[in-house]
C-alpha atoms as a PDB file:
ATOM      1  CA  MET A   1      11.669  19.102 -15.221  1.00  0.00           C
ATOM      2  CA  ARG A   2      10.060  15.902 -14.059  1.00  0.00           C
ATOM      3  CA  ARG A   3      11.614  12.592 -15.147  1.00  0.00           C
ATOM      4  CA  PRO A   4       9.356   9.936 -16.688  1.00  0.00           C
ATOM      5  CA  ARG A   5       7.879   7.451 -14.222  1.00  0.00           C
ATOM      6  CA  PHE A   6       9.777   4.374 -15.565  1.00  0.00           C
ATOM      7  CA  VAL A   7      13.080   6.178 -14.987  1.00  0.00           C
ATOM      8  CA  LEU A   8      12.066   6.879 -11.377  1.00  0.00           C
ATOM      9  CA  LEU A   9      11.067   3.264 -10.875  1.00  0.00           C
ATOM     10  CA  PHE A  10      14.173   1.706 -12.366  1.00  0.00           C
ATOM     11  CA  GLY A  11      16.736   4.483 -11.919  1.00  0.00           C
ATOM     12  CA  GLY A  12      18.035   6.618 -14.762  1.00  0.00           C
ATOM     13  CA  TYR A  13      21.442   4.980 -15.155  1.00  0.00           C
ATOM     14  CA  ARG A  14      20.061   1.449 -14.907  1.00  0.00           C
ATOM     15  CA  MET A  15      17.412   2.148 -17.558  1.00  0.00           C
ATOM     16  CA  GLN A  16      20.055   3.672 -19.840  1.00  0.00           C
ATOM     17  CA  GLN A  17      22.262   0.614 -19.231  1.00  0.00           C
ATOM     18  CA  VAL A  18      19.399  -1.770 -20.039  1.00  0.00           C
ATOM     19  CA  THR A  19      18.610   0.175 -23.214  1.00  0.00           C
ATOM     20  CA  GLN A  20      22.265   0.072 -24.330  1.00  0.00           C
ATOM     21  CA  SER A  21      22.455  -3.658 -23.516  1.00  0.00           C
ATOM     22  CA  PHE A  22      19.263  -4.269 -25.492  1.00  0.00           C
ATOM     23  CA  LYS A  23      20.641  -2.353 -28.492  1.00  0.00           C
ATOM     24  CA  THR A  24      23.882  -4.337 -28.526  1.00  0.00           C
ATOM     25  CA  ARG A  25      21.966  -7.625 -28.320  1.00  0.00           C
ATOM     26  CA  ILE A  26      19.725  -6.555 -31.190  1.00  0.00           C
ATOM     27  CA  ILE A  27      22.831  -5.781 -33.257  1.00  0.00           C
ATOM     28  CA  PHE A  28      24.216  -9.236 -32.399  1.00  0.00           C
ATOM     29  CA  TYR A  29      21.062 -11.014 -33.541  1.00  0.00           C
ATOM     30  CA  VAL A  30      20.621  -8.880 -36.686  1.00  0.00           C
ATOM     31  CA  VAL A  31      24.217  -9.573 -37.785  1.00  0.00           C
ATOM     32  CA  ALA A  32      23.874 -13.281 -36.941  1.00  0.00           C
ATOM     33  CA  VAL A  33      20.592 -13.620 -38.864  1.00  0.00           C
ATOM     34  CA  LEU A  34      22.036 -11.750 -41.861  1.00  0.00           C
ATOM     35  CA  ALA A  35      25.060 -14.067 -41.795  1.00  0.00           C
ATOM     36  CA  VAL A  36      22.864 -17.178 -41.807  1.00  0.00           C
ATOM     37  CA  VAL A  37      20.562 -15.815 -44.517  1.00  0.00           C
ATOM     38  CA  THR A  38      23.388 -14.733 -46.848  1.00  0.00           C
ATOM     39  CA  ASP A  39      25.118 -18.082 -46.353  1.00  0.00           C
ATOM     40  CA  GLN A  40      22.002 -20.146 -47.048  1.00  0.00           C
ATOM     41  CA  VAL A  41      20.905 -18.031 -50.031  1.00  0.00           C
ATOM     42  CA  SER A  42      24.380 -18.346 -51.558  1.00  0.00           C
ATOM     43  CA  LYS A  43      24.286 -22.130 -51.072  1.00  0.00           C
ATOM     44  CA  VAL A  44      20.867 -22.391 -52.740  1.00  0.00           C
ATOM     45  CA  TRP A  45      22.276 -20.366 -55.635  1.00  0.00           C
ATOM     46  CA  ALA A  46      25.307 -22.683 -55.827  1.00  0.00           C
ATOM     47  CA  LEU A  47      23.165 -25.839 -55.797  1.00  0.00           C
ATOM     48  CA  ASN A  48      20.944 -24.441 -58.562  1.00  0.00           C
ATOM     49  CA  ASN A  49      23.660 -22.971 -60.790  1.00  0.00           C
ATOM     50  CA  LEU A  50      26.898 -24.920 -60.345  1.00  0.00           C
ATOM     51  CA  SER A  51      27.997 -28.473 -61.014  1.00  0.00           C
ATOM     52  CA  THR A  52      30.615 -30.611 -59.314  1.00  0.00           C
ATOM     53  CA  ASP A  53      32.498 -31.337 -62.526  1.00  0.00           C
ATOM     54  CA  GLN A  54      32.980 -27.726 -63.607  1.00  0.00           C
ATOM     55  CA  ILE A  55      35.092 -24.774 -62.415  1.00  0.00           C
ATOM     56  CA  ASP A  56      33.833 -21.304 -63.396  1.00  0.00           C
ATOM     57  CA  PRO A  57      36.263 -18.371 -62.952  1.00  0.00           C
ATOM     58  CA  PHE A  58      34.921 -15.541 -60.817  1.00  0.00           C
ATOM     59  CA  ILE A  59      37.885 -13.280 -59.998  1.00  0.00           C
ATOM     60  CA  GLY A  60      40.473 -14.476 -62.469  1.00  0.00           C
ATOM     61  CA  SER A  61      41.984 -17.706 -61.266  1.00  0.00           C
ATOM     62  CA  PHE A  62      42.156 -16.458 -57.673  1.00  0.00           C
ATOM     63  CA  ILE A  63      38.519 -17.248 -56.833  1.00  0.00           C
ATOM     64  CA  SER A  64      36.330 -19.505 -58.924  1.00  0.00           C
ATOM     65  CA  PHE A  65      33.038 -21.308 -58.474  1.00  0.00           C
ATOM     66  CA  GLN A  66      33.123 -25.072 -57.997  1.00  0.00           C
ATOM     67  CA  LEU A  67      30.404 -27.075 -56.266  1.00  0.00           C
ATOM     68  CA  VAL A  68      31.715 -29.457 -53.595  1.00  0.00           C
ATOM     69  CA  HIS A  69      29.782 -31.470 -51.005  1.00  0.00           C
ATOM     70  CA  ASN A  70      32.178 -31.487 -48.051  1.00  0.00           C
ATOM     71  CA  PRO A  71      31.695 -34.137 -45.335  1.00  0.00           C
ATOM     72  CA  GLY A  72      34.617 -32.810 -43.257  1.00  0.00           C
ATOM     73  CA  ALA A  73      36.003 -29.486 -42.124  1.00  0.00           C
ATOM     74  CA  ALA A  74      38.277 -26.975 -43.838  1.00  0.00           C
ATOM     75  CA  PHE A  75      40.505 -28.623 -46.429  1.00  0.00           C
ATOM     76  CA  SER A  76      38.136 -31.644 -46.149  1.00  0.00           C
ATOM     77  CA  LEU A  77      39.859 -32.682 -42.923  1.00  0.00           C
ATOM     78  CA  LEU A  78      38.317 -35.600 -41.050  1.00  0.00           C
ATOM     79  CA  ASP A  79      35.825 -36.311 -43.807  1.00  0.00           C
ATOM     80  CA  ASN A  80      34.788 -39.528 -42.054  1.00  0.00           C
ATOM     81  CA  ALA A  81      33.847 -37.716 -38.841  1.00  0.00           C
ATOM     82  CA  THR A  82      30.945 -35.504 -39.958  1.00  0.00           C
ATOM     83  CA  TRP A  83      29.106 -36.112 -36.691  1.00  0.00           C
ATOM     84  CA  VAL A  84      32.047 -34.597 -34.762  1.00  0.00           C
ATOM     85  CA  PHE A  85      31.567 -31.293 -36.587  1.00  0.00           C
ATOM     86  CA  THR A  86      27.815 -31.416 -36.006  1.00  0.00           C
ATOM     87  CA  VAL A  87      28.384 -31.783 -32.248  1.00  0.00           C
ATOM     88  CA  LEU A  88      31.160 -29.156 -32.286  1.00  0.00           C
ATOM     89  CA  ALA A  89      28.924 -26.635 -34.095  1.00  0.00           C
ATOM     90  CA  ILE A  90      26.139 -27.188 -31.555  1.00  0.00           C
ATOM     91  CA  ALA A  91      28.616 -26.723 -28.685  1.00  0.00           C
ATOM     92  CA  ILE A  92      29.964 -23.487 -30.201  1.00  0.00           C
ATOM     93  CA  ILE A  93      26.428 -22.156 -30.661  1.00  0.00           C
ATOM     94  CA  VAL A  94      25.492 -22.969 -27.044  1.00  0.00           C
ATOM     95  CA  VAL A  95      28.675 -21.346 -25.677  1.00  0.00           C
ATOM     96  CA  ILE A  96      28.095 -18.193 -27.733  1.00  0.00           C
ATOM     97  CA  LEU A  97      24.471 -17.964 -26.569  1.00  0.00           C
ATOM     98  CA  TYR A  98      25.688 -18.257 -22.970  1.00  0.00           C
ATOM     99  CA  TYR A  99      28.361 -15.558 -23.314  1.00  0.00           C
ATOM    100  CA  VAL A 100      26.430 -13.120 -25.496  1.00  0.00           C
ATOM    101  CA  ARG A 101      24.461 -12.064 -22.403  1.00  0.00           C
ATOM    102  CA  LYS A 102      27.664 -11.332 -20.507  1.00  0.00           C
ATOM    103  CA  VAL A 103      29.540  -9.352 -23.180  1.00  0.00           C
ATOM    104  CA  SER A 104      28.806  -5.682 -23.824  1.00  0.00           C
ATOM    105  CA  SER A 105      31.751  -4.774 -26.062  1.00  0.00           C
ATOM    106  CA  SER A 106      30.513  -4.091 -29.601  1.00  0.00           C
ATOM    107  CA  PRO A 107      33.645  -5.464 -31.350  1.00  0.00           C
ATOM    108  CA  TRP A 108      33.418  -8.706 -29.379  1.00  0.00           C
ATOM    109  CA  LEU A 109      29.673  -9.011 -30.004  1.00  0.00           C
ATOM    110  CA  LEU A 110      30.139  -8.425 -33.726  1.00  0.00           C
ATOM    111  CA  SER A 111      32.826 -11.123 -33.856  1.00  0.00           C
ATOM    112  CA  MET A 112      30.615 -13.486 -31.870  1.00  0.00           C
ATOM    113  CA  ALA A 113      27.694 -12.763 -34.222  1.00  0.00           C
ATOM    114  CA  LEU A 114      29.786 -13.685 -37.277  1.00  0.00           C
ATOM    115  CA  LEU A 115      31.031 -16.881 -35.611  1.00  0.00           C
ATOM    116  CA  PHE A 116      27.488 -17.734 -34.497  1.00  0.00           C
ATOM    117  CA  GLY A 117      26.041 -17.101 -37.970  1.00  0.00           C
ATOM    118  CA  GLY A 118      28.793 -19.096 -39.685  1.00  0.00           C
ATOM    119  CA  ALA A 119      28.421 -22.011 -37.276  1.00  0.00           C
ATOM    120  CA  ILE A 120      24.641 -22.088 -37.765  1.00  0.00           C
ATOM    121  CA  GLY A 121      25.012 -21.834 -41.545  1.00  0.00           C
ATOM    122  CA  ASN A 122      27.234 -24.902 -41.724  1.00  0.00           C
ATOM    123  CA  LEU A 123      25.191 -26.720 -39.051  1.00  0.00           C
ATOM    124  CA  ILE A 124      22.056 -26.321 -41.184  1.00  0.00           C
ATOM    125  CA  ASP A 125      23.871 -28.133 -44.000  1.00  0.00           C
ATOM    126  CA  ARG A 126      24.982 -30.929 -41.674  1.00  0.00           C
ATOM    127  CA  LEU A 127      21.396 -31.357 -40.500  1.00  0.00           C
ATOM    128  CA  ILE A 128      19.488 -31.166 -43.804  1.00  0.00           C
ATOM    129  CA  GLN A 129      21.867 -32.027 -46.649  1.00  0.00           C
ATOM    130  CA  PRO A 130      22.382 -35.623 -47.831  1.00  0.00           C
ATOM    131  CA  PRO A 131      23.355 -38.280 -46.932  1.00  0.00           C
ATOM    132  CA  SER A 132      21.470 -38.149 -43.592  1.00  0.00           C
ATOM    133  CA  PHE A 133      20.382 -35.995 -40.655  1.00  0.00           C
ATOM    134  CA  GLY A 134      23.398 -34.851 -38.646  1.00  0.00           C
ATOM    135  CA  MET A 135      25.767 -36.381 -41.203  1.00  0.00           C
ATOM    136  CA  GLY A 136      25.021 -34.020 -44.086  1.00  0.00           C
ATOM    137  CA  HIS A 137      27.737 -32.654 -46.318  1.00  0.00           C
ATOM    138  CA  VAL A 138      28.366 -28.905 -46.244  1.00  0.00           C
ATOM    139  CA  VAL A 139      27.789 -27.115 -49.556  1.00  0.00           C
ATOM    140  CA  ASP A 140      31.074 -25.439 -50.568  1.00  0.00           C
ATOM    141  CA  PHE A 141      31.450 -23.486 -53.794  1.00  0.00           C
ATOM    142  CA  LEU A 142      34.182 -20.830 -53.494  1.00  0.00           C
ATOM    143  CA  ASN A 143      37.428 -22.295 -54.845  1.00  0.00           C
ATOM    144  CA  TRP A 144      40.373 -20.246 -53.555  1.00  0.00           C
ATOM    145  CA  ASN A 145      42.943 -20.843 -56.312  1.00  0.00           C
ATOM    146  CA  GLY A 146      42.966 -24.579 -55.626  1.00  0.00           C
ATOM    147  CA  TRP A 147      43.977 -24.165 -51.957  1.00  0.00           C
ATOM    148  CA  PHE A 148      40.542 -25.050 -50.629  1.00  0.00           C
ATOM    149  CA  VAL A 149      36.868 -24.772 -51.480  1.00  0.00           C
ATOM    150  CA  GLY A 150      34.667 -23.040 -48.917  1.00  0.00           C
ATOM    151  CA  ASN A 151      31.464 -21.079 -48.537  1.00  0.00           C
ATOM    152  CA  VAL A 152      30.157 -17.807 -47.124  1.00  0.00           C
ATOM    153  CA  ALA A 153      29.796 -19.286 -43.611  1.00  0.00           C
ATOM    154  CA  ASP A 154      33.484 -20.233 -43.710  1.00  0.00           C
ATOM    155  CA  ILE A 155      34.356 -16.622 -44.550  1.00  0.00           C
ATOM    156  CA  TYR A 156      32.356 -15.417 -41.536  1.00  0.00           C
ATOM    157  CA  ILE A 157      34.067 -17.958 -39.278  1.00  0.00           C
ATOM    158  CA  VAL A 158      37.556 -16.975 -40.472  1.00  0.00           C
ATOM    159  CA  VAL A 159      36.818 -13.238 -40.137  1.00  0.00           C
ATOM    160  CA  ALA A 160      35.414 -13.843 -36.630  1.00  0.00           C
ATOM    161  CA  ALA A 161      38.446 -15.898 -35.568  1.00  0.00           C
ATOM    162  CA  ALA A 162      40.881 -13.296 -36.929  1.00  0.00           C
ATOM    163  CA  SER A 163      39.042 -10.408 -35.285  1.00  0.00           C
ATOM    164  CA  MET A 164      38.832 -12.275 -31.959  1.00  0.00           C
ATOM    165  CA  PHE A 165      42.573 -12.923 -32.164  1.00  0.00           C
ATOM    166  CA  PHE A 166      43.292  -9.213 -32.662  1.00  0.00           C
ATOM    167  CA  LEU A 167      40.796  -8.182 -29.978  1.00  0.00           C
ATOM    168  CA  ALA A 168      42.571 -10.516 -27.543  1.00  0.00           C
ATOM    169  CA  VAL A 169      46.070  -9.378 -28.592  1.00  0.00           C
ATOM    170  CA  PHE A 170      45.121  -5.718 -28.149  1.00  0.00           C
ATOM    171  CA  GLU A 171      43.323  -6.564 -24.885  1.00  0.00           C
ATOM    172  CA  VAL A 172      39.960  -5.134 -25.884  1.00  0.00           C
ATOM    173  CA  PRO A 173      37.747  -5.800 -22.845  1.00  0.00           C
ATOM    174  CA  PHE A 174      34.618  -7.926 -23.103  1.00  0.00           C
ATOM    175  CA  ASN A 175      32.619  -5.413 -21.111  1.00  0.00           C
ATOM    176  CA  ARG A 176      32.488  -1.623 -21.087  1.00  0.00           C
ATOM    177  CA  HIS A 177      30.612   0.965 -19.070  1.00  0.00           C
ATOM    178  CA  LEU A 178      28.436   3.275 -21.101  1.00  0.00           C
ATOM    179  CA  GLY A 179      31.233   5.854 -21.099  1.00  0.00           C
ATOM    180  CA  GLY A 180      33.595   3.336 -22.716  1.00  0.00           C
ATOM    181  CA  GLU A 181      36.008   2.737 -19.836  1.00  0.00           C
ATOM    182  CA  LYS A 182      36.937  -0.777 -18.695  1.00  0.00           C
ATOM    183  CA  ARG A 183      34.893  -2.504 -16.015  1.00  0.00           C
END
């Protein structure tokens, strides 16, 4: 049986490797885009349906809805340094875009996609929300039993950080051959 011409030109294994690499990158971008979209849609919902002076129970008292405009980071840390988080988010996004081309492990790419999507989601707020460009307050609306108020992007960032921690602890390699063994 004759192999297709493109396989002869590029080599069967190389073409299969490129196809697998392309598929994993597509998965990365689909997950990242879905993360950004779900975060931004949830924030639009919060801005249209919640108020800052009201707490609405969602799951008992464990999770409730409360609109907060957060100038800082988690737990409203460094609320006078909004620009620091804008720069940090941009740096994280650039680093992820650099490394996403070098990583072929699906668990690592999925974690990177969630971190990327969460970072972009909160960066969008810092760029377009009041009081000014680059100094905008992040829209938070999920009150976790009074511990902190966050948003969907924060959930993605925490899940990504936790999964990256476990991937590192269990020494899951960044790259894999198509057969699954370590490179």
